[in-house]
């Protein structure tokens, strides 16, 4: 990709190398067992000592940016601008996020609040979606409208057989696709439907949501290719390979398990490729109604 030619988004919350977000988990753990601790003398002592310790850590700088899972509180924003030029991976992320802003602001004029993208290392707290962990991969939190990303996922993609910058760009565009769904109200409608559905049907709804995000990533790819002229030979193949590599059937096989379609939550490799291509070939979000294709 010729990504160096594109603008850099300033909607980057860089938390890499910042204080122990685990402290938020520690507080959450204390709160979870609060009723039990209050019943015993030793429990009350533990609470007092824990409070003193956390207060000491806070005022001496040992605890920073504490947030509680599902509390609606998030870490304080990190550096949003001024990513060093030599930090090429972070510059790449900022550039790709910038292209998504250009595309979706044009497709949803006046109704697209740009999401923040949080860069973190290993573990961070979200503003309503619990703890974000690197091993879970990139994800979008609808509660705080943020995409969470540990850059180590770039290496994970390579291990899945999907190397290349456009493969990683597809992943970012997919997560931004979930933000589009949140903006349009699709995510909340699906969540309500899942509450009334069986486990199998709820999984199927999740698959349709994920495939639509793949299609939206394809729509983004259409404009990046045809309008911005940022793609190079081989980039499309990288994107298709990435979509195929993260199919539920392939991931189940790699884990040594039998393929179980009823347990799919993201779609098969074939489905993910097909919906990405549908968005990429048309450039029209209206062609991304995966729910109409539900069996």
C-alpha atoms as a PDB file:
ATOM      1  CA  UNK A   1       0.000   0.000   0.000  1.00  0.00           C
ATOM      2  CA  UNK A   2       1.082   3.559  -0.671  1.00  0.00           C
ATOM      3  CA  UNK A   3      -0.161   4.509   2.779  1.00  0.00           C
ATOM      4  CA  UNK A   4       2.544   7.115   3.362  1.00  0.00           C
ATOM      5  CA  UNK A   5       0.686   9.338   0.892  1.00  0.00           C
ATOM      6  CA  UNK A   6      -2.445   9.513   3.047  1.00  0.00           C
ATOM      7  CA  UNK A   7      -3.318  11.754   5.977  1.00  0.00           C
ATOM      8  CA  UNK A   8      -2.762  10.558   9.529  1.00  0.00           C
ATOM      9  CA  UNK A   9      -5.729  10.401  11.856  1.00  0.00           C
ATOM     10  CA  UNK A  10      -5.373  12.254  15.142  1.00  0.00           C
ATOM     11  CA  UNK A  11      -7.984   9.999  16.765  1.00  0.00           C
ATOM     12  CA  UNK A  12      -5.281   7.788  18.246  1.00  0.00           C
ATOM     13  CA  UNK A  13      -5.200   7.043  21.974  1.00  0.00           C
ATOM     14  CA  UNK A  14      -1.680   5.674  22.485  1.00  0.00           C
ATOM     15  CA  UNK A  15      -1.526   3.789  25.780  1.00  0.00           C
ATOM     16  CA  UNK A  16       1.523   1.674  24.995  1.00  0.00           C
ATOM     17  CA  UNK A  17       3.982   1.554  27.842  1.00  0.00           C
ATOM     18  CA  UNK A  18       1.626   3.255  30.262  1.00  0.00           C
ATOM     19  CA  UNK A  19       0.992   2.231  33.881  1.00  0.00           C
ATOM     20  CA  UNK A  20      -0.500  -1.075  34.994  1.00  0.00           C
ATOM     21  CA  UNK A  21      -4.052  -1.293  33.737  1.00  0.00           C
ATOM     22  CA  UNK A  22      -4.131  -4.487  35.819  1.00  0.00           C
ATOM     23  CA  UNK A  23      -4.817  -2.166  38.749  1.00  0.00           C
ATOM     24  CA  UNK A  24      -8.292  -1.672  37.351  1.00  0.00           C
ATOM     25  CA  UNK A  25      -8.718  -5.440  37.433  1.00  0.00           C
ATOM     26  CA  UNK A  26      -7.512  -5.545  41.017  1.00  0.00           C
ATOM     27  CA  UNK A  27     -10.128  -2.982  42.056  1.00  0.00           C
ATOM     28  CA  UNK A  28     -12.798  -4.866  40.130  1.00  0.00           C
ATOM     29  CA  UNK A  29     -11.800  -8.042  41.953  1.00  0.00           C
ATOM     30  CA  UNK A  30     -12.115  -6.346  45.339  1.00  0.00           C
ATOM     31  CA  UNK A  31     -15.561  -5.036  44.425  1.00  0.00           C
ATOM     32  CA  UNK A  32     -16.696  -8.452  43.280  1.00  0.00           C
ATOM     33  CA  UNK A  33     -15.928  -9.953  46.677  1.00  0.00           C
ATOM     34  CA  UNK A  34     -16.958  -6.880  48.668  1.00  0.00           C
ATOM     35  CA  UNK A  35     -20.058  -8.442  50.329  1.00  0.00           C
ATOM     36  CA  UNK A  36     -18.010 -11.397  51.543  1.00  0.00           C
ATOM     37  CA  UNK A  37     -15.095  -9.292  52.754  1.00  0.00           C
ATOM     38  CA  UNK A  38     -17.362  -7.024  54.782  1.00  0.00           C
ATOM     39  CA  UNK A  39     -18.689  -9.990  56.758  1.00  0.00           C
ATOM     40  CA  UNK A  40     -15.371 -10.887  58.377  1.00  0.00           C
ATOM     41  CA  UNK A  41     -12.753  -9.018  60.370  1.00  0.00           C
ATOM     42  CA  UNK A  42      -9.951 -10.307  58.187  1.00  0.00           C
ATOM     43  CA  UNK A  43     -11.920  -9.211  55.119  1.00  0.00           C
ATOM     44  CA  UNK A  44     -12.242  -5.685  56.490  1.00  0.00           C
ATOM     45  CA  UNK A  45      -8.501  -5.641  57.194  1.00  0.00           C
ATOM     46  CA  UNK A  46      -7.811  -6.737  53.601  1.00  0.00           C
ATOM     47  CA  UNK A  47     -10.009  -3.917  52.299  1.00  0.00           C
ATOM     48  CA  UNK A  48      -8.264  -1.322  54.449  1.00  0.00           C
ATOM     49  CA  UNK A  49      -4.778  -2.522  53.513  1.00  0.00           C
ATOM     50  CA  UNK A  50      -5.737  -2.764  49.865  1.00  0.00           C
ATOM     51  CA  UNK A  51      -7.118   0.757  49.914  1.00  0.00           C
ATOM     52  CA  UNK A  52      -3.974   2.108  51.559  1.00  0.00           C
ATOM     53  CA  UNK A  53      -1.806   0.324  49.001  1.00  0.00           C
ATOM     54  CA  UNK A  54      -3.770   1.589  46.009  1.00  0.00           C
ATOM     55  CA  UNK A  55      -3.847   5.121  47.413  1.00  0.00           C
ATOM     56  CA  UNK A  56      -0.074   5.012  47.896  1.00  0.00           C
ATOM     57  CA  UNK A  57       0.432   3.711  44.371  1.00  0.00           C
ATOM     58  CA  UNK A  58      -1.855   6.356  42.929  1.00  0.00           C
ATOM     59  CA  UNK A  59      -0.237   9.338  44.633  1.00  0.00           C
ATOM     60  CA  UNK A  60       3.291   8.080  43.917  1.00  0.00           C
ATOM     61  CA  UNK A  61       2.511   7.405  40.247  1.00  0.00           C
ATOM     62  CA  UNK A  62       2.387   3.609  40.472  1.00  0.00           C
ATOM     63  CA  UNK A  63      -1.246   3.382  39.424  1.00  0.00           C
ATOM     64  CA  UNK A  64      -2.349   5.330  36.399  1.00  0.00           C
ATOM     65  CA  UNK A  65      -5.442   5.414  34.260  1.00  0.00           C
ATOM     66  CA  UNK A  66      -7.522   3.078  36.325  1.00  0.00           C
ATOM     67  CA  UNK A  67     -10.839   1.944  34.878  1.00  0.00           C
ATOM     68  CA  UNK A  68     -13.395  -0.619  35.982  1.00  0.00           C
ATOM     69  CA  UNK A  69     -14.792  -3.343  33.702  1.00  0.00           C
ATOM     70  CA  UNK A  70     -18.327  -2.541  32.558  1.00  0.00           C
ATOM     71  CA  UNK A  71     -18.395   0.627  34.647  1.00  0.00           C
ATOM     72  CA  UNK A  72     -18.477   3.125  31.822  1.00  0.00           C
ATOM     73  CA  UNK A  73     -15.148   4.514  33.041  1.00  0.00           C
ATOM     74  CA  UNK A  74     -12.108   4.254  30.807  1.00  0.00           C
ATOM     75  CA  UNK A  75      -8.455   5.101  31.018  1.00  0.00           C
ATOM     76  CA  UNK A  76      -7.546   8.727  30.501  1.00  0.00           C
ATOM     77  CA  UNK A  77      -6.581   9.333  26.874  1.00  0.00           C
ATOM     78  CA  UNK A  78      -2.953   8.869  26.004  1.00  0.00           C
ATOM     79  CA  UNK A  79      -1.028  10.671  23.288  1.00  0.00           C
ATOM     80  CA  UNK A  80      -3.364  11.387  20.391  1.00  0.00           C
ATOM     81  CA  UNK A  81      -0.895  13.245  18.232  1.00  0.00           C
ATOM     82  CA  UNK A  82       2.831  13.324  17.778  1.00  0.00           C
ATOM     83  CA  UNK A  83       3.523   9.651  17.074  1.00  0.00           C
ATOM     84  CA  UNK A  84       7.259   9.552  16.250  1.00  0.00           C
ATOM     85  CA  UNK A  85       7.993   9.219  12.537  1.00  0.00           C
ATOM     86  CA  UNK A  86      10.261   6.259  13.227  1.00  0.00           C
ATOM     87  CA  UNK A  87       7.353   4.381  14.836  1.00  0.00           C
ATOM     88  CA  UNK A  88       6.316   3.032  11.465  1.00  0.00           C
ATOM     89  CA  UNK A  89       3.676   0.564  12.659  1.00  0.00           C
ATOM     90  CA  UNK A  90       1.838   3.240  14.640  1.00  0.00           C
ATOM     91  CA  UNK A  91       2.146   5.666  11.718  1.00  0.00           C
ATOM     92  CA  UNK A  92       0.630   2.978   9.497  1.00  0.00           C
ATOM     93  CA  UNK A  93      -2.325   2.529  11.843  1.00  0.00           C
ATOM     94  CA  UNK A  94      -2.897   6.296  11.970  1.00  0.00           C
ATOM     95  CA  UNK A  95      -2.789   6.456   8.175  1.00  0.00           C
ATOM     96  CA  UNK A  96      -5.257   3.601   7.692  1.00  0.00           C
ATOM     97  CA  UNK A  97      -7.621   5.061  10.293  1.00  0.00           C
ATOM     98  CA  UNK A  98      -7.350   8.349   8.396  1.00  0.00           C
ATOM     99  CA  UNK A  99      -8.505   6.663   5.192  1.00  0.00           C
ATOM    100  CA  UNK A 100     -11.516   5.154   6.959  1.00  0.00           C
ATOM    101  CA  UNK A 101     -12.453   8.617   8.208  1.00  0.00           C
ATOM    102  CA  UNK A 102     -12.296  10.008   4.673  1.00  0.00           C
ATOM    103  CA  UNK A 103     -14.431   7.183   3.267  1.00  0.00           C
ATOM    104  CA  UNK A 104     -17.143   7.053   5.920  1.00  0.00           C
ATOM    105  CA  UNK A 105     -17.439  10.812   6.311  1.00  0.00           C
ATOM    106  CA  UNK A 106     -18.164  10.902   2.579  1.00  0.00           C
ATOM    107  CA  UNK A 107     -20.632   7.992   2.684  1.00  0.00           C
ATOM    108  CA  UNK A 108     -22.384   9.192   5.860  1.00  0.00           C
ATOM    109  CA  UNK A 109     -22.108  12.983   5.590  1.00  0.00           C
ATOM    110  CA  UNK A 110     -22.892  14.759   8.822  1.00  0.00           C
ATOM    111  CA  UNK A 111     -23.755  11.572  10.666  1.00  0.00           C
ATOM    112  CA  UNK A 112     -20.404   9.878  11.219  1.00  0.00           C
ATOM    113  CA  UNK A 113     -18.760  10.521  14.599  1.00  0.00           C
ATOM    114  CA  UNK A 114     -15.191   9.346  14.095  1.00  0.00           C
ATOM    115  CA  UNK A 115     -14.087   6.566  16.444  1.00  0.00           C
ATOM    116  CA  UNK A 116     -10.911   6.600  18.477  1.00  0.00           C
ATOM    117  CA  UNK A 117      -8.381   3.826  18.046  1.00  0.00           C
ATOM    118  CA  UNK A 118      -6.576   2.718  21.201  1.00  0.00           C
ATOM    119  CA  UNK A 119      -3.061   1.341  20.858  1.00  0.00           C
ATOM    120  CA  UNK A 120      -2.092  -0.705  23.881  1.00  0.00           C
ATOM    121  CA  UNK A 121       0.291  -3.416  25.029  1.00  0.00           C
ATOM    122  CA  UNK A 122      -0.957  -6.709  26.488  1.00  0.00           C
ATOM    123  CA  UNK A 123      -3.839  -5.351  28.571  1.00  0.00           C
ATOM    124  CA  UNK A 124      -6.003  -2.262  28.884  1.00  0.00           C
ATOM    125  CA  UNK A 125      -9.355  -1.227  30.283  1.00  0.00           C
ATOM    126  CA  UNK A 126     -12.257  -0.244  28.057  1.00  0.00           C
ATOM    127  CA  UNK A 127     -15.119   2.119  28.707  1.00  0.00           C
ATOM    128  CA  UNK A 128     -17.809  -0.503  29.110  1.00  0.00           C
ATOM    129  CA  UNK A 129     -16.537  -3.726  27.520  1.00  0.00           C
ATOM    130  CA  UNK A 130     -14.332  -5.027  30.319  1.00  0.00           C
ATOM    131  CA  UNK A 131     -10.624  -5.686  29.922  1.00  0.00           C
ATOM    132  CA  UNK A 132      -9.014  -5.710  26.511  1.00  0.00           C
ATOM    133  CA  UNK A 133      -6.342  -8.377  26.126  1.00  0.00           C
ATOM    134  CA  UNK A 134      -3.880  -8.808  23.279  1.00  0.00           C
ATOM    135  CA  UNK A 135      -4.579 -12.531  22.891  1.00  0.00           C
ATOM    136  CA  UNK A 136      -8.191 -11.724  22.023  1.00  0.00           C
ATOM    137  CA  UNK A 137      -7.110  -9.801  18.934  1.00  0.00           C
ATOM    138  CA  UNK A 138      -8.359  -6.402  17.744  1.00  0.00           C
ATOM    139  CA  UNK A 139     -11.914  -5.529  18.775  1.00  0.00           C
ATOM    140  CA  UNK A 140     -14.462  -2.726  18.796  1.00  0.00           C
ATOM    141  CA  UNK A 141     -16.257  -1.612  21.970  1.00  0.00           C
ATOM    142  CA  UNK A 142     -19.671  -0.101  21.145  1.00  0.00           C
ATOM    143  CA  UNK A 143     -20.008   1.265  24.692  1.00  0.00           C
ATOM    144  CA  UNK A 144     -17.196   3.786  24.207  1.00  0.00           C
ATOM    145  CA  UNK A 145     -17.030   3.788  20.369  1.00  0.00           C
ATOM    146  CA  UNK A 146     -13.370   2.798  20.310  1.00  0.00           C
ATOM    147  CA  UNK A 147     -11.297   0.277  18.396  1.00  0.00           C
ATOM    148  CA  UNK A 148      -8.699  -1.518  20.537  1.00  0.00           C
ATOM    149  CA  UNK A 149      -5.510  -2.809  18.981  1.00  0.00           C
ATOM    150  CA  UNK A 150      -2.275  -4.376  20.194  1.00  0.00           C
ATOM    151  CA  UNK A 151       0.292  -4.122  17.408  1.00  0.00           C
ATOM    152  CA  UNK A 152       1.511  -7.641  18.158  1.00  0.00           C
ATOM    153  CA  UNK A 153      -1.484  -8.791  16.105  1.00  0.00           C
ATOM    154  CA  UNK A 154       0.542  -7.965  13.012  1.00  0.00           C
ATOM    155  CA  UNK A 155       2.757 -10.941  13.838  1.00  0.00           C
ATOM    156  CA  UNK A 156      -0.267 -13.084  14.638  1.00  0.00           C
ATOM    157  CA  UNK A 157      -1.656 -12.402  11.149  1.00  0.00           C
ATOM    158  CA  UNK A 158       1.613 -13.559   9.611  1.00  0.00           C
ATOM    159  CA  UNK A 159       1.379 -16.815  11.557  1.00  0.00           C
ATOM    160  CA  UNK A 160      -2.151 -17.265  10.231  1.00  0.00           C
ATOM    161  CA  UNK A 161      -0.732 -17.025   6.717  1.00  0.00           C
ATOM    162  CA  UNK A 162      -1.848 -13.464   6.014  1.00  0.00           C
ATOM    163  CA  UNK A 163       1.235 -11.239   5.791  1.00  0.00           C
ATOM    164  CA  UNK A 164       1.311  -7.811   4.173  1.00  0.00           C
ATOM    165  CA  UNK A 165       0.247  -4.298   5.035  1.00  0.00           C
ATOM    166  CA  UNK A 166      -3.128  -4.502   3.309  1.00  0.00           C
ATOM    167  CA  UNK A 167      -3.990  -7.609   5.345  1.00  0.00           C
ATOM    168  CA  UNK A 168      -3.542  -5.593   8.534  1.00  0.00           C
ATOM    169  CA  UNK A 169      -5.351  -2.619   7.010  1.00  0.00           C
ATOM    170  CA  UNK A 170      -8.320  -4.915   6.280  1.00  0.00           C
ATOM    171  CA  UNK A 171      -8.465  -5.840   9.979  1.00  0.00           C
ATOM    172  CA  UNK A 172      -8.599  -2.164  10.993  1.00  0.00           C
ATOM    173  CA  UNK A 173     -11.252  -1.440   8.359  1.00  0.00           C
ATOM    174  CA  UNK A 174     -13.289  -4.412   9.619  1.00  0.00           C
ATOM    175  CA  UNK A 175     -13.279  -3.072  13.181  1.00  0.00           C
ATOM    176  CA  UNK A 176     -14.246   0.377  11.894  1.00  0.00           C
ATOM    177  CA  UNK A 177     -17.061  -1.431  10.076  1.00  0.00           C
ATOM    178  CA  UNK A 178     -18.400  -2.376  13.501  1.00  0.00           C
ATOM    179  CA  UNK A 179     -18.347   1.314  14.411  1.00  0.00           C
ATOM    180  CA  UNK A 180     -20.449   2.033  11.324  1.00  0.00           C
ATOM    181  CA  UNK A 181     -22.917  -0.609  12.511  1.00  0.00           C
ATOM    182  CA  UNK A 182     -23.000   1.066  15.908  1.00  0.00           C
ATOM    183  CA  UNK A 183     -23.626   4.480  14.347  1.00  0.00           C
ATOM    184  CA  UNK A 184     -26.443   3.115  12.172  1.00  0.00           C
ATOM    185  CA  UNK A 185     -28.064   1.257  15.070  1.00  0.00           C
ATOM    186  CA  UNK A 186     -27.488  -2.191  13.581  1.00  0.00           C
ATOM    187  CA  UNK A 187     -25.466  -3.441  16.556  1.00  0.00           C
ATOM    188  CA  UNK A 188     -28.124  -2.562  19.128  1.00  0.00           C
ATOM    189  CA  UNK A 189     -30.908  -4.117  17.039  1.00  0.00           C
ATOM    190  CA  UNK A 190     -28.945  -7.350  16.683  1.00  0.00           C
ATOM    191  CA  UNK A 191     -28.185  -7.407  20.412  1.00  0.00           C
ATOM    192  CA  UNK A 192     -31.911  -7.164  21.159  1.00  0.00           C
ATOM    193  CA  UNK A 193     -32.694  -9.967  18.711  1.00  0.00           C
ATOM    194  CA  UNK A 194     -30.036 -12.186  20.250  1.00  0.00           C
ATOM    195  CA  UNK A 195     -31.660 -11.884  23.673  1.00  0.00           C
ATOM    196  CA  UNK A 196     -34.784 -13.571  22.282  1.00  0.00           C
ATOM    197  CA  UNK A 197     -32.958 -16.145  20.144  1.00  0.00           C
ATOM    198  CA  UNK A 198     -31.671 -19.648  20.736  1.00  0.00           C
ATOM    199  CA  UNK A 199     -27.912 -20.109  21.046  1.00  0.00           C
ATOM    200  CA  UNK A 200     -27.662 -21.325  17.452  1.00  0.00           C
ATOM    201  CA  UNK A 201     -29.714 -18.412  16.108  1.00  0.00           C
ATOM    202  CA  UNK A 202     -27.772 -15.943  18.269  1.00  0.00           C
ATOM    203  CA  UNK A 203     -24.533 -17.256  16.785  1.00  0.00           C
ATOM    204  CA  UNK A 204     -25.993 -16.897  13.311  1.00  0.00           C
ATOM    205  CA  UNK A 205     -26.875 -13.269  13.998  1.00  0.00           C
ATOM    206  CA  UNK A 206     -23.314 -12.714  15.182  1.00  0.00           C
ATOM    207  CA  UNK A 207     -22.047 -14.222  11.927  1.00  0.00           C
ATOM    208  CA  UNK A 208     -24.226 -11.850   9.892  1.00  0.00           C
ATOM    209  CA  UNK A 209     -22.932  -8.887  11.905  1.00  0.00           C
ATOM    210  CA  UNK A 210     -19.324  -9.905  11.309  1.00  0.00           C
ATOM    211  CA  UNK A 211     -19.861 -10.569   7.607  1.00  0.00           C
ATOM    212  CA  UNK A 212     -21.440  -7.142   7.228  1.00  0.00           C
ATOM    213  CA  UNK A 213     -18.323  -5.615   8.833  1.00  0.00           C
ATOM    214  CA  UNK A 214     -16.277  -7.556   6.256  1.00  0.00           C
ATOM    215  CA  UNK A 215     -18.449  -6.094   3.507  1.00  0.00           C
ATOM    216  CA  UNK A 216     -17.996  -2.594   4.926  1.00  0.00           C
ATOM    217  CA  UNK A 217     -14.235  -3.226   4.917  1.00  0.00           C
ATOM    218  CA  UNK A 218     -14.602  -4.077   1.247  1.00  0.00           C
ATOM    219  CA  UNK A 219     -16.494  -0.821   0.635  1.00  0.00           C
ATOM    220  CA  UNK A 220     -13.588   1.022   2.257  1.00  0.00           C
ATOM    221  CA  UNK A 221     -11.206  -0.922   0.003  1.00  0.00           C
ATOM    222  CA  UNK A 222     -13.152   0.155  -3.081  1.00  0.00           C
ATOM    223  CA  UNK A 223     -12.560   3.838  -2.339  1.00  0.00           C
ATOM    224  CA  UNK A 224      -8.981   3.357  -1.200  1.00  0.00           C
ATOM    225  CA  UNK A 225      -8.308   1.666  -4.530  1.00  0.00           C
ATOM    226  CA  UNK A 226     -10.430   3.620  -6.997  1.00  0.00           C
ATOM    227  CA  UNK A 227     -10.509   7.094  -5.470  1.00  0.00           C
ATOM    228  CA  UNK A 228      -7.329   7.371  -3.404  1.00  0.00           C
ATOM    229  CA  UNK A 229      -5.152   5.179  -5.629  1.00  0.00           C
ATOM    230  CA  UNK A 230      -3.347   3.729  -2.615  1.00  0.00           C
ATOM    231  CA  UNK A 231      -3.296   0.063  -3.550  1.00  0.00           C
ATOM    232  CA  UNK A 232      -0.399  -1.710  -5.218  1.00  0.00           C
ATOM    233  CA  UNK A 233      -0.252  -5.044  -7.098  1.00  0.00           C
ATOM    234  CA  UNK A 234      -0.886  -7.890  -4.684  1.00  0.00           C
ATOM    235  CA  UNK A 235      -2.726  -5.834  -2.069  1.00  0.00           C
ATOM    236  CA  UNK A 236      -6.173  -7.192  -2.911  1.00  0.00           C
ATOM    237  CA  UNK A 237      -4.854 -10.729  -2.655  1.00  0.00           C
ATOM    238  CA  UNK A 238      -3.464  -9.883   0.791  1.00  0.00           C
ATOM    239  CA  UNK A 239      -6.877  -8.661   1.915  1.00  0.00           C
ATOM    240  CA  UNK A 240      -8.652 -11.741   0.592  1.00  0.00           C
ATOM    241  CA  UNK A 241      -6.080 -13.985   2.260  1.00  0.00           C
ATOM    242  CA  UNK A 242      -6.598 -12.169   5.555  1.00  0.00           C
ATOM    243  CA  UNK A 243     -10.382 -12.611   5.301  1.00  0.00           C
ATOM    244  CA  UNK A 244      -9.904 -16.303   4.563  1.00  0.00           C
ATOM    245  CA  UNK A 245      -7.361 -16.792   7.358  1.00  0.00           C
ATOM    246  CA  UNK A 246      -9.733 -15.640  10.093  1.00  0.00           C
ATOM    247  CA  UNK A 247     -12.707 -17.761   9.031  1.00  0.00           C
ATOM    248  CA  UNK A 248     -14.249 -19.793  11.858  1.00  0.00           C
ATOM    249  CA  UNK A 249     -13.763 -23.087  10.013  1.00  0.00           C
ATOM    250  CA  UNK A 250     -10.064 -22.453   9.478  1.00  0.00           C
ATOM    251  CA  UNK A 251      -9.511 -21.339  13.069  1.00  0.00           C
ATOM    252  CA  UNK A 252     -11.329 -24.432  14.359  1.00  0.00           C
ATOM    253  CA  UNK A 253      -9.172 -26.654  12.170  1.00  0.00           C
ATOM    254  CA  UNK A 254      -5.986 -24.920  13.310  1.00  0.00           C
ATOM    255  CA  UNK A 255      -7.045 -25.534  16.906  1.00  0.00           C
ATOM    256  CA  UNK A 256      -7.361 -29.244  16.128  1.00  0.00           C
ATOM    257  CA  UNK A 257     -11.142 -29.269  16.443  1.00  0.00           C
ATOM    258  CA  UNK A 258     -13.825 -30.535  14.104  1.00  0.00           C
ATOM    259  CA  UNK A 259     -15.570 -27.840  12.073  1.00  0.00           C
ATOM    260  CA  UNK A 260     -18.882 -26.978  13.763  1.00  0.00           C
ATOM    261  CA  UNK A 261     -20.906 -24.488  11.711  1.00  0.00           C
ATOM    262  CA  UNK A 262     -23.479 -24.024  14.498  1.00  0.00           C
ATOM    263  CA  UNK A 263     -20.694 -22.643  16.693  1.00  0.00           C
ATOM    264  CA  UNK A 264     -19.534 -20.091  14.100  1.00  0.00           C
ATOM    265  CA  UNK A 265     -19.623 -16.483  15.290  1.00  0.00           C
ATOM    266  CA  UNK A 266     -17.685 -14.780  12.468  1.00  0.00           C
ATOM    267  CA  UNK A 267     -18.402 -16.853   9.376  1.00  0.00           C
ATOM    268  CA  UNK A 268     -16.502 -19.354   7.271  1.00  0.00           C
ATOM    269  CA  UNK A 269     -13.448 -18.432   5.233  1.00  0.00           C
ATOM    270  CA  UNK A 270     -15.522 -18.620   2.058  1.00  0.00           C
ATOM    271  CA  UNK A 271     -18.241 -16.362   3.464  1.00  0.00           C
ATOM    272  CA  UNK A 272     -15.780 -13.763   4.699  1.00  0.00           C
ATOM    273  CA  UNK A 273     -14.035 -13.596   1.341  1.00  0.00           C
ATOM    274  CA  UNK A 274     -17.332 -13.392  -0.561  1.00  0.00           C
ATOM    275  CA  UNK A 275     -18.694 -10.498   1.513  1.00  0.00           C
ATOM    276  CA  UNK A 276     -15.436  -8.578   1.415  1.00  0.00           C
ATOM    277  CA  UNK A 277     -15.433  -8.943  -2.374  1.00  0.00           C
ATOM    278  CA  UNK A 278     -19.077  -7.817  -2.580  1.00  0.00           C
ATOM    279  CA  UNK A 279     -18.230  -4.579  -0.813  1.00  0.00           C
ATOM    280  CA  UNK A 280     -15.000  -4.097  -2.738  1.00  0.00           C
ATOM    281  CA  UNK A 281     -16.591  -4.609  -6.138  1.00  0.00           C
ATOM    282  CA  UNK A 282     -19.575  -2.306  -5.542  1.00  0.00           C
ATOM    283  CA  UNK A 283     -18.385   0.355  -3.115  1.00  0.00           C
ATOM    284  CA  UNK A 284     -21.995   0.512  -1.929  1.00  0.00           C
ATOM    285  CA  UNK A 285     -22.865  -0.096   1.751  1.00  0.00           C
ATOM    286  CA  UNK A 286     -26.434  -0.879   0.702  1.00  0.00           C
ATOM    287  CA  UNK A 287     -25.100  -4.086  -0.849  1.00  0.00           C
ATOM    288  CA  UNK A 288     -23.943  -5.237   2.588  1.00  0.00           C
ATOM    289  CA  UNK A 289     -27.296  -6.438   3.941  1.00  0.00           C
ATOM    290  CA  UNK A 290     -26.049  -9.802   5.161  1.00  0.00           C
ATOM    291  CA  UNK A 291     -29.166 -10.280   7.274  1.00  0.00           C
ATOM    292  CA  UNK A 292     -31.286 -10.624   4.147  1.00  0.00           C
ATOM    293  CA  UNK A 293     -29.131 -13.647   3.294  1.00  0.00           C
ATOM    294  CA  UNK A 294     -29.828 -15.432   6.582  1.00  0.00           C
ATOM    295  CA  UNK A 295     -31.159 -18.973   6.085  1.00  0.00           C
END
